[in-house]
Amino acid sequence: RAIHPKTTSAFTHLSTTPSSWNRHRAVANKFPLFASTATPKTGPIMNHSSPFTSHDRARRVGLDQIQECGKRLRDGGLVSFPTETVYGLGANAMDESACQSIFAAKERPLTDPLIVHVTNNDSAYALWRACSDTATTKYNLEQTILEQLCEKFWPGPLTIVAKASTQVPLVIMAGTGFVACRNPNHEIARAVIESAGIPIAAPSANKFGHVSPTTANHVWDDLRAEDIWIVDVENSNGGEGVSKDSLATRGSCNVGVESSVVKLEMIPGGKARIAMLRQGAVSVDQLESCLVDGEAVDMQNVELVSKFKNVVSEDESSVSPGQTIRHYSPNVPSFLLSQKCIGTLAELSGKHRQVLSRAVVIDYGQQLAATEQVALDYRDLSTCGDSSEAAKSVFETLRWAELVEGSRVIVFPDLQPSSSDALALAVKDRLTRAASGNTVDELTESLLSSSTA
């Protein structure tokens, strides 16, 4: 599976105007890709059990090297570290060259923005126009909403997108003028960011479009040939700012899916619109409750909408990551099974058995339990349908599935979650994008032919 980002080494300097950004993109499309620094590979992503090779440039570091990680980030290097959502690939958010290294390592298009990670709210306020030193009273509503959301949900798995202040590098924003900020709730992530003493831009630490990483081994599998450091908890004995007891109880990524992303913008009439662009652990209902309970905002002036089903192409700039239809994808063709299709699998026919013998089944709540003894391999994200349990294991399971020997396709149910279950909605979103939105009503041999197309 080849990913072709619209990026090039021509991006040595980025202007701060949208028109200049468009010109840079036009130039970029005429040049070779802003390629990874790695030696090109063919075939599926290698598993971490593969032996170390001369092409490996990544380095695993322990928690006793957190301070060195901070210095590396200040000096423009890349460091991967765990958060409560997934592993991130961090760089100095205020250094354009360092941020461009993220795009190169991930083979990520410049149209996909980066999230800036901070450890205190004031650092984020400085990056948003409404809260910056130059803000005027016309931004009062916007500022109040930003501060109220931050005070309620931070640190935690919520990313907030708002109009950027003038100091934010354009490369982070994909030329949109909006910047995404998050304050993570993970001890190791916070220790790394604080040791750097600067805002850190950090998307997921994987090749663009591939399954997100939730362990250091996942990062190694995807980025072992890149010049990065990987904070590896398993190789650590504790370190400055991080307790051993915390490591033993919290694990690496205890939410397991990326943060919810909400965009705040002002609309005509002096009102504000809050749009959910990517579903994570925080729901639209929780956002509304926060603002209502805070009593500082007149809800008649606020519009709340869910837009996390939006889909953009890779050459279309977005204010939020995770918006392309093909995302979080295994290196094996994957499909959603409609509820109609699931109903036909209660009694398996010979045709079903033939297809399933070459398929890996990822289940949720035992909807596909009848296939377990017939499928090439089978796992259930949560036999009892617990969305928290499923979210913690969905990316690990997708990575496992692509490595099952003999697998021709991966199938999983098209979930129908309650609108109030944020994590179930998040799991549905990740599985939908893993399958590139492809839903089938019938299990036929035509699915197997897709693996050779």
Foldseek 3Di string as FASTA:
>chain_A
DDDAALAAPVPPDADQALVSLVVSSVVSNVDHHLAAPFDDDDDFQDFLVDDDDPLFQEAEDEQACLLVLLVCQLVLAWAWAFFQAAIWIKHFQLDPNSVVNQCRLQVAYLLAAWEWEDADPVQVLCFAQCNHPPHDPLSVQVVVLSVLCCVPAPQHQEKEKHATDSSGGCSRQSSPRIHIYHYTDDQSVNSNRVSNVGIITIDFLAHFLAAGHHALSRNCSGRRSHNYYYHHHVPYDAHPRGDPVCCVPSPGHQQQHHGWYWYWDADPPSAIEIETQAFGQDALVNSVCSVVVVPPHDCVRYHYYYDNQAADDSVHHDRHHPRHLRHSAGPAAEEAEEPLALVVQVPDDPQNLVLQCQEEEEEALCSNVSSCVRHVHYDYQDVNRDLSSNSNCVSVVNHVRSPRPRHRYYYYHQDDDDSVRRSSVNSNSSNCNNNSNHYDNHRGCVSSVVSVD
